[in-house]
N, C-alpha and C. Protein backbone atom coordinates (compact mmCIF):
# COMPACT_ATOMS: atom_id res chain seq x y z
N MET A 1 54.52 129.80 -81.38
CA MET A 1 54.63 131.24 -81.34
C MET A 1 55.67 131.61 -80.28
N GLU A 2 56.54 132.50 -80.60
CA GLU A 2 57.64 132.90 -79.71
C GLU A 2 57.13 133.85 -78.63
N LYS A 3 57.57 133.63 -77.41
CA LYS A 3 57.24 134.51 -76.30
C LYS A 3 58.08 135.77 -76.40
N LEU A 4 57.46 136.90 -76.07
CA LEU A 4 58.20 138.15 -76.05
C LEU A 4 59.04 138.20 -74.79
N GLY A 5 60.26 138.61 -74.90
CA GLY A 5 61.17 138.62 -73.76
C GLY A 5 61.14 139.94 -73.01
N SER A 6 61.71 139.92 -71.84
CA SER A 6 61.81 141.13 -71.02
C SER A 6 63.22 141.69 -71.17
N HIS A 7 63.45 142.37 -72.24
CA HIS A 7 64.77 142.94 -72.49
C HIS A 7 64.82 144.36 -71.95
N GLY A 8 65.95 144.75 -71.41
CA GLY A 8 66.12 146.11 -70.96
C GLY A 8 65.64 146.36 -69.55
N GLY A 9 65.56 145.33 -68.72
CA GLY A 9 65.18 145.51 -67.32
C GLY A 9 63.78 146.05 -67.15
N ILE A 10 63.62 146.91 -66.17
CA ILE A 10 62.29 147.45 -65.84
C ILE A 10 61.72 148.27 -66.98
N TRP A 11 62.56 149.02 -67.68
CA TRP A 11 62.06 149.83 -68.78
C TRP A 11 61.59 148.96 -69.94
N GLY A 12 62.25 147.85 -70.15
CA GLY A 12 61.80 146.92 -71.18
C GLY A 12 60.44 146.34 -70.84
N LYS A 13 60.24 146.00 -69.57
CA LYS A 13 58.94 145.47 -69.14
C LYS A 13 57.85 146.52 -69.30
N ILE A 14 58.17 147.74 -68.92
CA ILE A 14 57.19 148.81 -69.04
C ILE A 14 56.84 149.05 -70.50
N TRP A 15 57.85 149.05 -71.37
CA TRP A 15 57.60 149.25 -72.80
C TRP A 15 56.71 148.14 -73.35
N ILE A 16 57.01 146.89 -72.99
CA ILE A 16 56.21 145.77 -73.47
C ILE A 16 54.78 145.88 -72.95
N ALA A 17 54.61 146.24 -71.68
CA ALA A 17 53.26 146.38 -71.10
C ALA A 17 52.49 147.50 -71.80
N ILE A 18 53.14 148.64 -72.01
CA ILE A 18 52.48 149.77 -72.68
C ILE A 18 52.08 149.39 -74.10
N ASN A 19 52.97 148.74 -74.81
CA ASN A 19 52.68 148.32 -76.18
C ASN A 19 51.50 147.35 -76.20
N THR A 20 51.50 146.40 -75.29
CA THR A 20 50.41 145.42 -75.22
C THR A 20 49.09 146.11 -74.87
N ILE A 21 49.12 147.00 -73.90
CA ILE A 21 47.91 147.72 -73.49
C ILE A 21 47.36 148.54 -74.64
N GLN A 22 48.21 149.23 -75.37
CA GLN A 22 47.75 150.01 -76.51
C GLN A 22 47.12 149.11 -77.57
N THR A 23 47.72 147.96 -77.82
CA THR A 23 47.17 147.02 -78.80
C THR A 23 45.79 146.52 -78.36
N ILE A 24 45.67 146.18 -77.09
CA ILE A 24 44.40 145.68 -76.57
C ILE A 24 43.34 146.79 -76.61
N LYS A 25 43.70 147.99 -76.21
CA LYS A 25 42.74 149.10 -76.23
C LYS A 25 42.26 149.40 -77.65
N ARG A 26 43.20 149.40 -78.61
CA ARG A 26 42.80 149.65 -80.00
C ARG A 26 41.84 148.57 -80.49
N ALA A 27 42.15 147.32 -80.19
CA ALA A 27 41.28 146.22 -80.60
C ALA A 27 39.93 146.32 -79.92
N HIS A 28 39.91 146.71 -78.67
CA HIS A 28 38.67 146.83 -77.91
C HIS A 28 37.79 147.95 -78.47
N LYS A 29 38.41 149.08 -78.81
CA LYS A 29 37.65 150.23 -79.34
C LYS A 29 37.11 149.96 -80.74
N SER A 30 37.84 149.20 -81.53
CA SER A 30 37.45 149.01 -82.93
C SER A 30 36.44 147.89 -83.12
N SER A 31 36.10 147.16 -82.07
CA SER A 31 35.18 146.04 -82.22
C SER A 31 34.01 146.19 -81.26
N SER A 32 32.81 145.91 -81.77
CA SER A 32 31.62 145.96 -80.93
C SER A 32 31.32 144.59 -80.32
N THR A 33 32.04 143.57 -80.77
CA THR A 33 31.83 142.23 -80.23
C THR A 33 32.95 141.90 -79.24
N THR A 34 32.74 140.84 -78.49
CA THR A 34 33.75 140.41 -77.55
C THR A 34 34.90 139.76 -78.30
N LEU A 35 36.09 140.26 -78.07
CA LEU A 35 37.27 139.76 -78.77
C LEU A 35 38.01 138.74 -77.92
N ASP A 36 38.79 137.92 -78.60
CA ASP A 36 39.67 136.98 -77.92
C ASP A 36 41.05 137.62 -77.87
N TYR A 37 41.44 138.06 -76.68
CA TYR A 37 42.72 138.74 -76.50
C TYR A 37 43.86 137.76 -76.22
N SER A 38 43.53 136.47 -76.12
CA SER A 38 44.56 135.50 -75.75
C SER A 38 45.74 135.44 -76.72
N PRO A 39 45.56 135.62 -78.04
CA PRO A 39 46.76 135.61 -78.91
C PRO A 39 47.75 136.73 -78.57
N ILE A 40 47.22 137.88 -78.19
CA ILE A 40 48.09 139.00 -77.83
C ILE A 40 48.77 138.72 -76.49
N LEU A 41 47.98 138.28 -75.52
CA LEU A 41 48.48 138.11 -74.16
C LEU A 41 49.36 136.87 -74.00
N SER A 42 49.08 135.83 -74.76
CA SER A 42 49.84 134.59 -74.59
C SER A 42 51.28 134.71 -75.08
N ARG A 43 51.58 135.76 -75.82
CA ARG A 43 52.95 135.96 -76.31
C ARG A 43 53.85 136.58 -75.26
N LEU A 44 53.28 137.01 -74.14
CA LEU A 44 54.06 137.68 -73.11
C LEU A 44 54.63 136.68 -72.11
N LEU A 45 55.80 137.01 -71.59
CA LEU A 45 56.33 136.26 -70.46
C LEU A 45 55.51 136.58 -69.23
N LYS A 46 55.58 135.73 -68.22
CA LYS A 46 54.74 135.93 -67.04
C LYS A 46 54.94 137.31 -66.41
N SER A 47 56.17 137.73 -66.26
CA SER A 47 56.42 139.03 -65.62
C SER A 47 55.82 140.18 -66.43
N ASP A 48 55.89 140.09 -67.76
CA ASP A 48 55.32 141.12 -68.61
C ASP A 48 53.79 141.08 -68.58
N LEU A 49 53.24 139.89 -68.51
CA LEU A 49 51.79 139.74 -68.42
C LEU A 49 51.27 140.31 -67.10
N LEU A 50 51.99 140.06 -66.01
CA LEU A 50 51.61 140.61 -64.71
C LEU A 50 51.72 142.13 -64.70
N THR A 51 52.76 142.66 -65.33
CA THR A 51 52.92 144.11 -65.43
C THR A 51 51.77 144.71 -66.23
N THR A 52 51.38 144.05 -67.31
CA THR A 52 50.26 144.50 -68.13
C THR A 52 48.97 144.48 -67.33
N LEU A 53 48.73 143.39 -66.60
CA LEU A 53 47.54 143.26 -65.77
C LEU A 53 47.47 144.39 -64.74
N ARG A 54 48.55 144.61 -64.05
CA ARG A 54 48.55 145.63 -63.00
C ARG A 54 48.38 147.05 -63.58
N GLU A 55 48.94 147.28 -64.75
CA GLU A 55 48.78 148.60 -65.38
C GLU A 55 47.33 148.80 -65.84
N LEU A 56 46.71 147.78 -66.38
CA LEU A 56 45.30 147.88 -66.77
C LEU A 56 44.43 148.15 -65.54
N LEU A 57 44.74 147.50 -64.43
CA LEU A 57 44.00 147.75 -63.19
C LEU A 57 44.22 149.18 -62.70
N ARG A 58 45.46 149.64 -62.78
CA ARG A 58 45.78 151.00 -62.35
C ARG A 58 44.99 152.03 -63.16
N GLN A 59 44.82 151.75 -64.45
CA GLN A 59 44.08 152.65 -65.33
C GLN A 59 42.57 152.43 -65.28
N ASP A 60 42.12 151.53 -64.40
CA ASP A 60 40.70 151.18 -64.25
C ASP A 60 40.07 150.63 -65.54
N HIS A 61 40.85 149.91 -66.31
CA HIS A 61 40.33 149.18 -67.47
C HIS A 61 40.07 147.74 -67.02
N CYS A 62 39.10 147.61 -66.13
CA CYS A 62 38.87 146.32 -65.47
C CYS A 62 38.43 145.23 -66.43
N ALA A 63 37.60 145.56 -67.40
CA ALA A 63 37.16 144.54 -68.34
C ALA A 63 38.35 143.97 -69.11
N LEU A 64 39.26 144.83 -69.52
CA LEU A 64 40.47 144.37 -70.21
C LEU A 64 41.41 143.64 -69.25
N ALA A 65 41.48 144.13 -68.01
CA ALA A 65 42.33 143.48 -67.01
C ALA A 65 41.86 142.06 -66.73
N LEU A 66 40.56 141.83 -66.79
CA LEU A 66 40.05 140.48 -66.57
C LEU A 66 40.53 139.52 -67.67
N HIS A 67 40.71 140.03 -68.88
CA HIS A 67 41.26 139.19 -69.95
C HIS A 67 42.71 138.84 -69.63
N ALA A 68 43.46 139.81 -69.14
CA ALA A 68 44.86 139.55 -68.76
C ALA A 68 44.91 138.57 -67.59
N PHE A 69 44.01 138.74 -66.63
CA PHE A 69 43.96 137.83 -65.48
C PHE A 69 43.64 136.41 -65.94
N SER A 70 42.71 136.30 -66.87
CA SER A 70 42.37 134.98 -67.42
C SER A 70 43.56 134.35 -68.12
N ALA A 71 44.33 135.17 -68.82
CA ALA A 71 45.54 134.66 -69.49
C ALA A 71 46.55 134.16 -68.46
N VAL A 72 46.68 134.89 -67.36
CA VAL A 72 47.60 134.45 -66.29
C VAL A 72 47.14 133.10 -65.75
N GLN A 73 45.84 132.98 -65.50
CA GLN A 73 45.31 131.72 -64.97
C GLN A 73 45.52 130.56 -65.93
N SER A 74 45.30 130.79 -67.22
CA SER A 74 45.41 129.68 -68.17
C SER A 74 46.86 129.35 -68.53
N GLU A 75 47.71 130.36 -68.59
CA GLU A 75 49.10 130.14 -68.98
C GLU A 75 49.98 129.64 -67.84
N TYR A 76 49.71 130.12 -66.65
CA TYR A 76 50.58 129.84 -65.51
C TYR A 76 49.76 129.29 -64.36
N LYS A 77 49.94 128.05 -64.07
CA LYS A 77 49.22 127.40 -62.98
C LYS A 77 49.77 127.90 -61.65
N ASN A 78 49.05 127.62 -60.60
CA ASN A 78 49.40 128.00 -59.23
C ASN A 78 49.51 129.51 -59.04
N PRO A 79 48.42 130.26 -59.33
CA PRO A 79 48.48 131.70 -59.08
C PRO A 79 48.56 131.96 -57.57
N ASP A 80 49.11 133.10 -57.20
CA ASP A 80 49.17 133.40 -55.78
C ASP A 80 48.01 134.31 -55.40
N LEU A 81 47.69 134.30 -54.12
CA LEU A 81 46.53 135.02 -53.62
C LEU A 81 46.67 136.52 -53.82
N SER A 82 47.88 137.04 -53.82
CA SER A 82 48.07 138.48 -53.99
C SER A 82 47.59 138.96 -55.36
N LEU A 83 47.60 138.08 -56.34
CA LEU A 83 47.09 138.44 -57.66
C LEU A 83 45.58 138.68 -57.60
N TYR A 84 44.88 137.79 -56.91
CA TYR A 84 43.44 137.98 -56.70
C TYR A 84 43.20 139.26 -55.91
N ALA A 85 44.07 139.51 -54.93
CA ALA A 85 43.94 140.70 -54.08
C ALA A 85 44.20 141.99 -54.87
N ASP A 86 44.94 141.92 -55.96
CA ASP A 86 45.15 143.08 -56.83
C ASP A 86 43.91 143.36 -57.68
N VAL A 87 43.26 142.30 -58.14
CA VAL A 87 42.11 142.44 -59.04
C VAL A 87 40.84 142.83 -58.28
N ALA A 88 40.61 142.24 -57.13
CA ALA A 88 39.35 142.43 -56.39
C ALA A 88 39.03 143.89 -56.07
N PRO A 89 39.96 144.69 -55.53
CA PRO A 89 39.61 146.08 -55.21
C PRO A 89 39.21 146.90 -56.44
N ALA A 90 39.86 146.64 -57.57
CA ALA A 90 39.51 147.37 -58.79
C ALA A 90 38.10 147.02 -59.24
N LEU A 91 37.74 145.75 -59.14
CA LEU A 91 36.38 145.34 -59.50
C LEU A 91 35.37 145.96 -58.55
N ALA A 92 35.68 145.95 -57.26
CA ALA A 92 34.78 146.53 -56.26
C ALA A 92 34.63 148.03 -56.50
N ARG A 93 35.73 148.71 -56.75
CA ARG A 93 35.74 150.16 -56.96
C ARG A 93 34.90 150.54 -58.19
N ASN A 94 34.89 149.68 -59.19
CA ASN A 94 34.14 149.95 -60.42
C ASN A 94 32.76 149.31 -60.43
N ARG A 95 32.35 148.82 -59.27
CA ARG A 95 31.02 148.22 -59.06
C ARG A 95 30.76 147.06 -60.02
N MET A 96 31.78 146.29 -60.28
CA MET A 96 31.67 145.10 -61.14
C MET A 96 31.49 143.88 -60.23
N VAL A 97 30.36 143.89 -59.49
CA VAL A 97 30.15 142.89 -58.45
C VAL A 97 29.99 141.47 -59.01
N GLU A 98 29.38 141.33 -60.16
CA GLU A 98 29.25 139.99 -60.75
C GLU A 98 30.62 139.44 -61.13
N ASP A 99 31.47 140.30 -61.66
CA ASP A 99 32.83 139.87 -61.99
C ASP A 99 33.62 139.55 -60.73
N LEU A 100 33.35 140.30 -59.67
CA LEU A 100 34.00 140.03 -58.38
C LEU A 100 33.56 138.66 -57.86
N ASN A 101 32.26 138.36 -57.98
CA ASN A 101 31.77 137.04 -57.57
C ASN A 101 32.41 135.93 -58.39
N HIS A 102 32.57 136.15 -59.70
CA HIS A 102 33.23 135.15 -60.56
C HIS A 102 34.68 134.97 -60.16
N LEU A 103 35.34 136.07 -59.80
CA LEU A 103 36.73 136.00 -59.35
C LEU A 103 36.85 135.10 -58.12
N ILE A 104 35.92 135.25 -57.19
CA ILE A 104 35.94 134.45 -55.98
C ILE A 104 35.62 132.99 -56.29
N CYS A 105 34.74 132.76 -57.24
CA CYS A 105 34.47 131.37 -57.67
C CYS A 105 35.71 130.75 -58.29
N ASP A 106 36.44 131.54 -59.08
CA ASP A 106 37.71 131.06 -59.65
C ASP A 106 38.70 130.73 -58.55
N LEU A 107 38.75 131.58 -57.54
CA LEU A 107 39.63 131.35 -56.39
C LEU A 107 39.27 130.04 -55.71
N GLU A 108 37.97 129.83 -55.55
CA GLU A 108 37.49 128.61 -54.91
C GLU A 108 37.90 127.38 -55.72
N THR A 109 37.80 127.47 -57.02
CA THR A 109 38.21 126.37 -57.90
C THR A 109 39.71 126.13 -57.80
N ASP A 110 40.49 127.21 -57.84
CA ASP A 110 41.95 127.09 -57.75
C ASP A 110 42.37 126.52 -56.40
N CYS A 111 41.69 126.94 -55.33
CA CYS A 111 42.01 126.41 -54.00
C CYS A 111 41.63 124.95 -53.89
N GLY A 112 40.54 124.56 -54.54
CA GLY A 112 40.09 123.18 -54.50
C GLY A 112 41.13 122.23 -55.04
N GLY A 113 41.90 122.71 -56.01
CA GLY A 113 42.97 121.89 -56.57
C GLY A 113 44.24 121.97 -55.75
N GLY A 114 44.21 122.76 -54.69
CA GLY A 114 45.38 122.91 -53.83
C GLY A 114 46.52 123.66 -54.50
N GLY A 115 46.20 124.42 -55.58
CA GLY A 115 47.27 125.03 -56.35
C GLY A 115 47.53 126.48 -56.06
N ILE A 116 46.83 127.06 -55.09
CA ILE A 116 47.03 128.48 -54.85
C ILE A 116 48.04 128.71 -53.74
N GLN A 117 48.85 129.72 -53.91
CA GLN A 117 49.85 130.06 -52.90
C GLN A 117 49.26 131.16 -52.02
N CYS A 118 49.08 130.86 -50.75
CA CYS A 118 48.42 131.78 -49.83
C CYS A 118 49.43 132.60 -49.05
N ASP A 119 49.14 133.89 -48.93
CA ASP A 119 49.95 134.76 -48.08
C ASP A 119 49.01 135.68 -47.32
N ASP A 120 49.40 136.07 -46.11
CA ASP A 120 48.54 136.86 -45.24
C ASP A 120 48.16 138.21 -45.85
N LYS A 121 49.13 138.88 -46.46
CA LYS A 121 48.86 140.20 -47.04
C LYS A 121 47.84 140.09 -48.17
N GLY A 122 48.00 139.11 -49.03
CA GLY A 122 47.05 138.90 -50.12
C GLY A 122 45.66 138.56 -49.60
N LEU A 123 45.61 137.71 -48.60
CA LEU A 123 44.32 137.31 -48.02
C LEU A 123 43.61 138.51 -47.40
N ILE A 124 44.34 139.32 -46.65
CA ILE A 124 43.74 140.50 -46.02
C ILE A 124 43.23 141.48 -47.07
N GLY A 125 44.01 141.71 -48.12
CA GLY A 125 43.59 142.62 -49.19
C GLY A 125 42.36 142.11 -49.92
N LEU A 126 42.31 140.83 -50.15
CA LEU A 126 41.17 140.23 -50.85
C LEU A 126 39.91 140.33 -50.00
N ILE A 127 40.01 139.96 -48.74
CA ILE A 127 38.84 140.02 -47.86
C ILE A 127 38.37 141.46 -47.70
N LYS A 128 39.29 142.39 -47.56
CA LYS A 128 38.96 143.80 -47.43
C LYS A 128 38.16 144.29 -48.63
N ALA A 129 38.59 143.92 -49.83
CA ALA A 129 37.89 144.34 -51.05
C ALA A 129 36.50 143.73 -51.13
N VAL A 130 36.38 142.47 -50.79
CA VAL A 130 35.09 141.79 -50.89
C VAL A 130 34.12 142.31 -49.83
N ILE A 131 34.61 142.55 -48.63
CA ILE A 131 33.75 143.12 -47.58
C ILE A 131 33.34 144.54 -47.96
N GLY A 132 34.28 145.31 -48.51
CA GLY A 132 33.98 146.67 -48.96
C GLY A 132 32.93 146.72 -50.04
N ALA A 133 32.85 145.68 -50.86
CA ALA A 133 31.84 145.60 -51.91
C ALA A 133 30.55 144.98 -51.40
N ASP A 134 30.51 144.67 -50.09
CA ASP A 134 29.34 144.10 -49.44
C ASP A 134 28.92 142.76 -50.07
N ARG A 135 29.92 141.92 -50.33
CA ARG A 135 29.69 140.61 -50.93
C ARG A 135 29.85 139.54 -49.84
N ARG A 136 28.82 139.37 -49.04
CA ARG A 136 28.88 138.45 -47.90
C ARG A 136 29.14 137.01 -48.33
N GLU A 137 28.41 136.56 -49.33
CA GLU A 137 28.57 135.17 -49.78
C GLU A 137 29.99 134.92 -50.28
N SER A 138 30.55 135.88 -50.99
CA SER A 138 31.92 135.74 -51.47
C SER A 138 32.92 135.73 -50.32
N THR A 139 32.63 136.50 -49.27
CA THR A 139 33.50 136.50 -48.09
C THR A 139 33.53 135.11 -47.46
N VAL A 140 32.36 134.50 -47.35
CA VAL A 140 32.27 133.15 -46.79
C VAL A 140 33.02 132.16 -47.68
N ARG A 141 32.88 132.32 -48.99
CA ARG A 141 33.58 131.43 -49.93
C ARG A 141 35.10 131.53 -49.77
N ILE A 142 35.59 132.74 -49.58
CA ILE A 142 37.03 132.93 -49.37
C ILE A 142 37.47 132.17 -48.13
N TYR A 143 36.74 132.37 -47.06
CA TYR A 143 37.08 131.71 -45.82
C TYR A 143 37.10 130.19 -45.99
N GLU A 144 36.07 129.65 -46.64
CA GLU A 144 36.00 128.20 -46.84
C GLU A 144 37.12 127.71 -47.75
N SER A 145 37.46 128.49 -48.77
CA SER A 145 38.51 128.10 -49.70
C SER A 145 39.88 128.09 -49.04
N VAL A 146 40.16 129.11 -48.28
CA VAL A 146 41.46 129.25 -47.64
C VAL A 146 41.60 128.23 -46.51
N GLU A 147 40.51 127.86 -45.90
CA GLU A 147 40.53 126.88 -44.82
C GLU A 147 41.05 125.53 -45.32
N THR A 148 40.85 125.23 -46.61
CA THR A 148 41.28 123.94 -47.15
C THR A 148 42.76 123.91 -47.49
N ILE A 149 43.42 125.05 -47.47
CA ILE A 149 44.84 125.10 -47.85
C ILE A 149 45.70 124.55 -46.74
């Protein structure tokens, strides 16, 4: 299957993200069962997939954003910590604490393989979101995971 390209600079990326988001939203609304969004998302280049993820988070479509985040994790190894830091506050804000806990478990798994790229800004944002959601165990997990890097 051919990957969709990022033609037209920033406007091309925005158009691709909007088109993808509309497709996902339509599929989500028309089905009462859990859908597999990976065929839609796997056709995107990494930059377009990240744009789609961030736009879904901005619109507070966290359940759909988690599908995009999963696609990023499966398609592109070595995610950076700032990506987790983008997802965590949206989950906390929408009181999706179980999903937030799963996100931190995923982080722990990714760190265990030594494949995560750590940056101070991402770490601070992630810890801030987890503490704000009053997830003490997840906060400890972050600390333990990052300590191994």
